[in-house]
N, C-alpha and C. Protein backbone atom coordinates (compact mmCIF):
# COMPACT_ATOMS: atom_id res chain seq x y z
N UNK A 1 10.77 44.38 170.86
CA UNK A 1 9.33 45.01 170.70
C UNK A 1 9.56 46.77 170.75
N UNK A 2 10.34 46.67 171.98
CA UNK A 2 9.99 47.93 172.50
C UNK A 2 10.97 49.02 171.50
N UNK A 3 11.97 48.50 171.12
CA UNK A 3 12.68 49.17 169.89
C UNK A 3 11.74 49.73 168.62
N UNK A 4 10.95 48.75 168.35
CA UNK A 4 10.03 49.06 167.36
C UNK A 4 9.08 49.74 167.61
N UNK A 5 8.52 50.06 168.71
CA UNK A 5 7.58 50.81 169.09
C UNK A 5 8.27 52.39 169.36
N UNK A 6 9.55 52.20 170.00
CA UNK A 6 10.07 53.57 169.67
C UNK A 6 10.37 54.25 168.33
N UNK A 7 10.38 53.46 167.52
CA UNK A 7 10.62 53.61 165.70
C UNK A 7 9.51 54.04 165.33
N UNK A 8 8.25 53.69 165.79
CA UNK A 8 7.06 53.85 165.03
C UNK A 8 6.97 55.50 165.90
N UNK A 9 7.02 55.41 166.94
CA UNK A 9 6.96 56.87 168.03
C UNK A 9 7.49 58.02 167.26
N UNK A 10 8.69 57.65 166.81
CA UNK A 10 9.42 58.65 166.42
C UNK A 10 9.04 59.07 164.86
N UNK A 11 8.80 57.85 164.10
CA UNK A 11 8.36 58.41 162.99
C UNK A 11 6.69 58.92 162.58
N UNK A 12 6.37 58.85 163.49
CA UNK A 12 4.86 59.72 163.95
C UNK A 12 5.11 61.01 164.06
N UNK A 13 5.93 61.04 165.16
CA UNK A 13 6.10 62.49 165.34
C UNK A 13 7.05 63.30 164.16
N UNK A 14 7.96 62.53 163.39
CA UNK A 14 8.59 63.24 162.02
C UNK A 14 7.27 63.82 161.36
N UNK A 15 6.07 62.68 161.01
CA UNK A 15 5.23 63.01 160.25
C UNK A 15 4.38 64.41 160.65
N UNK A 16 4.26 64.19 161.75
CA UNK A 16 3.39 65.58 162.47
C UNK A 16 4.17 66.81 162.13
N UNK A 17 5.71 66.81 162.24
CA UNK A 17 6.45 67.74 161.44
C UNK A 17 6.21 68.21 160.44
N UNK A 18 6.40 67.26 159.36
CA UNK A 18 6.17 67.45 157.94
C UNK A 18 4.96 68.18 157.95
N UNK A 19 3.51 68.20 158.42
CA UNK A 19 2.61 68.61 158.29
C UNK A 19 2.58 70.38 158.49
N UNK A 20 3.53 70.82 159.40
CA UNK A 20 3.79 72.08 159.67
C UNK A 20 4.29 73.05 158.37
N UNK A 21 3.56 74.11 158.53
CA UNK A 21 4.05 74.84 157.20
C UNK A 21 5.03 76.01 157.84
N UNK A 22 5.79 76.29 157.08
CA UNK A 22 7.04 77.16 157.14
C UNK A 22 6.38 78.46 157.94
N UNK A 23 5.36 78.83 157.42
CA UNK A 23 4.38 80.41 158.34
C UNK A 23 4.35 79.86 159.75
N UNK A 24 3.72 78.59 159.90
CA UNK A 24 3.39 78.16 161.27
C UNK A 24 4.77 78.04 162.26
N UNK A 25 5.45 77.42 161.62
CA UNK A 25 6.60 77.58 162.16
C UNK A 25 7.34 78.73 162.76
N UNK A 26 7.20 79.56 161.51
CA UNK A 26 7.63 80.77 161.62
C UNK A 26 6.82 81.79 163.11
N UNK A 27 5.49 81.64 163.27
CA UNK A 27 4.71 81.62 163.65
C UNK A 27 5.42 81.52 165.48
N UNK A 28 5.34 80.22 165.50
CA UNK A 28 5.76 79.70 166.83
C UNK A 28 7.10 80.25 167.57
N UNK A 29 8.08 80.61 166.45
CA UNK A 29 9.15 81.03 166.97
C UNK A 29 9.16 82.39 167.23
N UNK A 30 8.31 82.95 166.36
CA UNK A 30 8.02 84.63 166.81
C UNK A 30 7.19 84.81 168.13
N UNK A 31 6.55 84.19 168.29
CA UNK A 31 6.01 84.40 169.79
C UNK A 31 6.95 83.56 170.60
N UNK A 32 7.48 82.54 170.50
CA UNK A 32 8.67 82.33 171.64
C UNK A 32 9.50 83.31 172.06
N UNK A 33 10.01 83.77 170.56
CA UNK A 33 11.10 85.11 171.22
C UNK A 33 10.34 86.50 171.39
N UNK A 34 8.98 86.70 171.25
CA UNK A 34 8.15 87.66 172.22
C UNK A 34 8.03 87.36 173.39
N UNK A 35 7.60 85.99 173.63
CA UNK A 35 7.75 85.74 175.31
C UNK A 35 8.36 85.79 175.67
N UNK A 36 9.70 85.53 175.62
CA UNK A 36 11.05 85.25 175.85
C UNK A 36 11.53 86.91 176.33
N UNK A 37 11.24 87.86 175.17
CA UNK A 37 11.38 88.94 175.50
C UNK A 37 10.66 89.87 176.81
N UNK A 38 9.67 89.48 176.67
CA UNK A 38 8.71 90.20 177.50
C UNK A 38 8.80 89.62 178.92
N UNK A 39 9.12 87.87 178.98
CA UNK A 39 9.19 87.29 180.57
C UNK A 39 10.61 88.11 180.66
N UNK A 40 11.72 88.49 180.21
CA UNK A 40 12.91 88.78 180.48
C UNK A 40 12.98 90.79 180.74
N UNK A 41 11.84 91.35 180.82
CA UNK A 41 12.15 92.88 180.41
C UNK A 41 13.10 93.29 179.40
N UNK A 42 13.28 92.80 178.32
CA UNK A 42 13.77 93.07 177.17
C UNK A 42 12.60 93.73 176.16
N UNK A 43 11.92 94.99 176.94
CA UNK A 43 10.85 95.35 176.07
C UNK A 43 11.58 96.26 174.67
N UNK A 44 13.09 96.10 174.40
CA UNK A 44 13.47 96.57 173.16
C UNK A 44 13.78 95.61 172.29
N UNK A 45 14.05 94.55 172.76
CA UNK A 45 14.01 93.30 171.69
C UNK A 45 12.80 93.01 171.30
N UNK A 46 11.38 93.17 172.13
CA UNK A 46 10.34 92.87 171.99
C UNK A 46 9.95 93.85 171.18
N UNK A 47 10.37 94.88 171.24
CA UNK A 47 10.04 95.84 170.21
C UNK A 47 10.20 95.99 168.58
N UNK A 48 11.44 95.10 168.48
CA UNK A 48 12.06 94.48 167.30
C UNK A 48 11.24 93.74 166.63
N UNK A 49 9.99 92.69 167.40
CA UNK A 49 9.28 92.09 166.78
C UNK A 49 7.85 92.74 166.23
N UNK A 50 7.67 94.22 166.89
CA UNK A 50 6.63 94.87 166.46
C UNK A 50 6.51 95.27 164.83
N UNK A 51 5.32 95.35 164.50
CA UNK A 51 5.32 96.15 162.89
C UNK A 51 5.94 97.21 162.81
N UNK A 52 6.64 96.98 161.79
CA UNK A 52 7.61 98.29 161.66
C UNK A 52 6.39 99.54 161.18
N UNK A 53 5.38 99.37 161.06
CA UNK A 53 4.16 100.31 160.57
C UNK A 53 3.49 100.77 161.98
N UNK A 54 3.36 100.03 162.87
CA UNK A 54 3.18 100.24 163.99
C UNK A 54 4.07 101.27 164.44
N UNK A 55 5.27 100.41 164.68
CA UNK A 55 6.50 101.45 165.52
C UNK A 55 6.70 102.67 164.87
N UNK A 56 6.56 102.96 163.59
CA UNK A 56 6.67 104.35 162.89
C UNK A 56 5.29 104.77 163.09
N UNK A 57 4.08 104.44 163.00
CA UNK A 57 2.99 105.51 163.37
C UNK A 57 2.61 105.72 165.10
N UNK A 58 3.22 105.13 166.14
CA UNK A 58 3.13 104.90 167.16
C UNK A 58 4.55 104.55 168.26
N UNK A 59 5.50 105.61 168.04
CA UNK A 59 7.07 105.29 168.63
C UNK A 59 6.99 105.42 170.17
N UNK A 60 7.37 104.85 170.76
CA UNK A 60 7.79 104.82 172.09
C UNK A 60 8.56 105.67 172.51
N UNK A 61 7.90 106.33 173.46
CA UNK A 61 8.72 107.75 174.00
C UNK A 61 9.40 107.54 174.78
N UNK A 62 10.44 108.21 175.42
CA UNK A 62 11.71 108.19 176.31
C UNK A 62 11.02 107.92 177.72
N UNK A 63 9.72 108.83 178.00
CA UNK A 63 8.88 108.49 179.29
C UNK A 63 8.41 106.90 179.17
N UNK A 64 7.79 106.45 178.72
CA UNK A 64 7.37 104.74 178.29
C UNK A 64 8.81 104.52 178.44
N UNK A 65 9.64 104.23 177.76
CA UNK A 65 10.82 103.38 177.73
C UNK A 65 11.01 103.65 179.61
N UNK A 66 11.09 104.78 180.10
CA UNK A 66 11.63 104.59 181.49
C UNK A 66 10.28 104.04 182.66
N UNK A 67 9.59 104.12 182.36
CA UNK A 67 7.96 103.18 182.47
C UNK A 67 8.50 101.72 182.80
N UNK A 68 8.67 101.20 181.53
CA UNK A 68 9.20 99.62 181.53
C UNK A 68 10.39 99.45 182.29
N UNK A 69 11.19 100.46 182.54
CA UNK A 69 12.77 99.93 182.93
C UNK A 69 11.85 99.75 184.74
N UNK A 70 11.08 100.28 185.05
CA UNK A 70 10.85 100.65 186.36
C UNK A 70 10.03 99.16 187.04
N UNK A 71 9.61 98.07 186.32
CA UNK A 71 8.93 97.00 186.48
C UNK A 71 9.68 95.51 186.08
N UNK A 72 8.99 94.69 186.55
CA UNK A 72 10.02 93.08 186.62
C UNK A 72 8.34 92.31 186.07
N UNK A 73 8.50 91.45 185.62
CA UNK A 73 7.96 90.66 184.52
C UNK A 73 8.01 89.23 185.66
N UNK A 74 6.59 88.95 186.38
CA UNK A 74 6.72 87.55 187.39
C UNK A 74 6.31 86.71 186.73
N UNK A 75 5.53 86.79 185.79
CA UNK A 75 4.61 85.17 185.20
C UNK A 75 4.32 86.08 183.91
N UNK A 76 4.14 85.15 182.52
CA UNK A 76 3.84 85.49 181.47
C UNK A 76 3.31 84.17 181.34
N UNK A 77 1.86 84.02 180.99
CA UNK A 77 1.04 82.70 180.91
C UNK A 77 -0.16 82.83 179.72
N UNK A 78 0.32 82.03 178.61
CA UNK A 78 -0.98 82.39 177.64
C UNK A 78 -2.40 81.90 178.08
N UNK A 79 -3.19 82.57 177.75
CA UNK A 79 -4.51 81.80 178.16
C UNK A 79 -5.84 81.67 177.10
N UNK A 80 -5.23 81.66 176.09
CA UNK A 80 -6.21 81.24 174.87
C UNK A 80 -5.47 81.82 173.23
N UNK A 81 -5.86 81.28 172.73
CA UNK A 81 -4.85 81.72 171.07
C UNK A 81 -5.93 81.13 170.18
N UNK A 82 -5.66 81.72 168.86
CA UNK A 82 -6.24 81.37 167.96
C UNK A 82 -5.54 81.69 166.57
N UNK A 83 -5.52 81.41 165.77
CA UNK A 83 -4.53 80.97 164.75
C UNK A 83 -5.01 80.51 163.16
N UNK A 84 -4.94 81.37 162.33
CA UNK A 84 -5.41 81.18 161.03
C UNK A 84 -4.06 81.28 160.01
N UNK A 85 -3.43 80.35 159.92
CA UNK A 85 -2.28 80.66 159.19
C UNK A 85 -3.10 80.78 157.50
N UNK A 86 -3.49 80.11 157.18
CA UNK A 86 -3.77 80.64 155.49
C UNK A 86 -4.24 81.89 155.48
N UNK A 87 -4.77 82.95 156.26
CA UNK A 87 -5.54 84.06 156.61
C UNK A 87 -4.24 84.72 156.70
N UNK A 88 -3.35 84.28 157.46
CA UNK A 88 -1.94 85.10 158.00
C UNK A 88 -2.44 86.15 159.29
N UNK A 89 -2.69 85.68 159.97
CA UNK A 89 -3.34 86.09 161.53
C UNK A 89 -3.28 85.27 162.35
N UNK A 90 -3.07 85.71 163.73
CA UNK A 90 -2.85 85.10 164.97
C UNK A 90 -3.14 86.17 166.03
N UNK A 91 -3.81 85.47 167.22
CA UNK A 91 -4.34 86.10 168.33
C UNK A 91 -3.79 85.56 169.45
N UNK A 92 -3.02 86.05 170.49
CA UNK A 92 -3.45 84.90 171.78
C UNK A 92 -3.42 86.11 173.08
N UNK A 93 -4.27 85.26 173.79
CA UNK A 93 -4.73 86.29 175.07
C UNK A 93 -4.02 85.77 176.22
N UNK A 94 -3.00 86.94 176.85
CA UNK A 94 -1.47 86.56 177.83
C UNK A 94 -2.30 86.98 179.13
N UNK A 95 -1.53 86.49 179.76
CA UNK A 95 -2.02 87.03 181.41
C UNK A 95 -0.59 87.25 181.74
N UNK A 96 -0.25 88.71 182.20
CA UNK A 96 1.26 89.20 182.63
C UNK A 96 1.12 89.34 184.16
N UNK A 97 2.40 88.90 185.04
CA UNK A 97 2.55 89.06 186.21
C UNK A 97 3.17 90.50 186.36
N UNK A 98 3.05 91.88 186.89
CA UNK A 98 4.03 92.90 186.58
C UNK A 98 4.40 92.86 188.30
N UNK A 99 5.40 93.42 188.64
CA UNK A 99 6.00 94.00 189.74
C UNK A 99 6.82 95.21 189.76
N UNK A 100 6.01 96.00 190.48
CA UNK A 100 6.61 97.28 190.47
C UNK A 100 7.66 97.42 191.02
N UNK A 101 9.32 97.83 190.80
CA UNK A 101 10.37 97.82 191.66
C UNK A 101 10.40 98.51 192.63
N UNK A 102 9.59 99.96 192.76
CA UNK A 102 9.77 100.71 193.99
C UNK A 102 8.95 100.23 194.96
N UNK A 103 7.44 99.92 194.76
CA UNK A 103 6.80 99.71 195.66
C UNK A 103 6.83 98.33 196.11
N UNK A 104 7.26 97.23 195.28
CA UNK A 104 7.31 95.70 195.04
C UNK A 104 5.80 95.41 195.03
N UNK A 105 4.92 96.01 194.46
CA UNK A 105 3.53 95.66 194.59
C UNK A 105 3.40 94.72 193.29
N UNK A 106 2.64 93.68 193.44
CA UNK A 106 2.44 93.02 192.26
C UNK A 106 1.04 92.95 191.75
N UNK A 107 0.64 92.76 190.39
CA UNK A 107 -0.51 93.18 189.98
C UNK A 107 -0.47 91.97 188.94
N UNK A 108 -1.74 92.00 188.06
CA UNK A 108 -1.81 91.13 186.73
C UNK A 108 -2.58 91.58 185.87
N UNK A 109 -2.12 91.51 184.59
CA UNK A 109 -2.62 92.40 183.45
C UNK A 109 -2.64 91.68 182.67
N UNK A 110 -3.96 91.53 181.68
CA UNK A 110 -4.25 90.98 180.38
C UNK A 110 -3.91 91.87 179.55
N UNK A 111 -3.68 91.22 178.51
CA UNK A 111 -2.90 91.63 177.33
C UNK A 111 -3.22 90.91 175.95
N UNK A 112 -3.92 91.42 174.50
CA UNK A 112 -3.94 90.63 173.93
C UNK A 112 -2.88 90.57 172.38
N UNK A 113 -2.55 90.03 172.26
CA UNK A 113 -1.19 90.24 171.21
C UNK A 113 -1.86 89.62 169.66
N UNK A 114 -1.65 90.17 168.56
CA UNK A 114 -2.00 90.16 167.48
C UNK A 114 -1.50 90.33 166.53
N UNK A 115 -1.07 89.08 165.38
CA UNK A 115 0.13 89.15 164.93
C UNK A 115 -0.79 89.03 163.37
N UNK A 116 0.62 89.39 162.46
CA UNK A 116 0.11 89.55 160.95
C UNK A 116 1.12 88.66 160.16
N UNK A 117 1.02 87.98 159.62
CA UNK A 117 2.06 87.51 158.43
C UNK A 117 2.60 88.11 157.41
N UNK A 118 3.76 88.30 157.09
CA UNK A 118 4.33 89.45 156.09
C UNK A 118 4.84 88.35 154.96
N UNK A 119 4.39 88.23 154.01
CA UNK A 119 4.44 86.97 152.80
C UNK A 119 5.66 87.48 152.08
N UNK A 120 6.08 89.05 152.14
CA UNK A 120 6.86 89.39 151.08
C UNK A 120 8.22 89.23 152.36
N UNK A 121 8.69 89.40 153.69
CA UNK A 121 9.59 89.24 154.42
C UNK A 121 9.32 88.13 155.48
N UNK A 122 8.62 87.05 154.68
CA UNK A 122 8.53 86.12 155.66
C UNK A 122 8.77 85.54 157.03
N UNK A 123 8.21 86.69 157.44
CA UNK A 123 8.02 87.00 159.26
C UNK A 123 6.75 87.49 159.81
N UNK A 124 6.77 86.84 160.94
CA UNK A 124 5.16 87.64 161.41
C UNK A 124 5.57 88.90 162.23
N UNK A 125 4.65 89.72 162.37
CA UNK A 125 5.01 90.75 163.07
C UNK A 125 3.82 91.10 164.12
N UNK A 126 3.83 91.36 165.47
CA UNK A 126 3.04 91.82 166.32
C UNK A 126 2.54 93.31 166.06
N UNK A 127 1.22 93.63 165.77
CA UNK A 127 0.51 94.47 165.41
C UNK A 127 -0.05 95.36 166.64
N UNK A 128 -0.37 94.39 167.62
CA UNK A 128 -0.94 94.97 169.00
C UNK A 128 0.53 95.91 169.62
N UNK A 129 1.60 96.01 169.33
CA UNK A 129 2.33 96.97 169.92
C UNK A 129 2.64 96.40 171.56
N UNK A 130 3.25 96.60 171.91
CA UNK A 130 3.87 96.50 173.65
C UNK A 130 3.15 96.54 174.44
N UNK A 131 2.87 95.32 175.32
CA UNK A 131 1.80 95.69 176.23
C UNK A 131 1.42 96.91 177.40
N UNK A 132 0.06 97.10 177.29
CA UNK A 132 0.26 97.95 178.18
C UNK A 132 0.23 97.50 179.68
N UNK A 133 0.86 97.80 180.37
CA UNK A 133 1.45 97.62 182.13
C UNK A 133 0.71 97.99 182.77
N UNK A 134 0.17 99.24 182.63
CA UNK A 134 -0.59 100.59 183.32
C UNK A 134 -1.84 100.36 183.10
N UNK A 135 -2.86 99.52 182.37
CA UNK A 135 -3.94 100.06 181.72
C UNK A 135 -4.81 100.11 183.07
N UNK A 136 -5.49 101.16 182.90
CA UNK A 136 -6.02 101.64 184.35
C UNK A 136 -5.79 102.29 185.49
N UNK A 137 -4.38 102.35 185.04
CA UNK A 137 -4.10 103.40 186.34
C UNK A 137 -3.23 104.36 185.94
């Protein structure tokens, strides 16, 4: 009886996976990679997930790079999300814990990730850029 229940649960789980579109899976992967890069302070890696048009229009300056090097991320929490896979758009609201390495002062920053699906490249791009961890400062 237990084996039958286990097999049934596995089949239901596989059926759920089959309903996911390649674009939805790619969004999950891109957001996971983005979250990991930000959590570990790999802002250069995160920048690779920013839409090339956004990077070209607003390149990261040396001063901005140095500012990112002066902080550590203490937390990264998804506080809300909306995705429309068919329209190729997704938005996530994020709360980031930021620690200044020089003062050891911690604060929370809210950030909204905006994503767009690039059908030709089959990739999701972050169009909001790197989080502004100094908003209002």
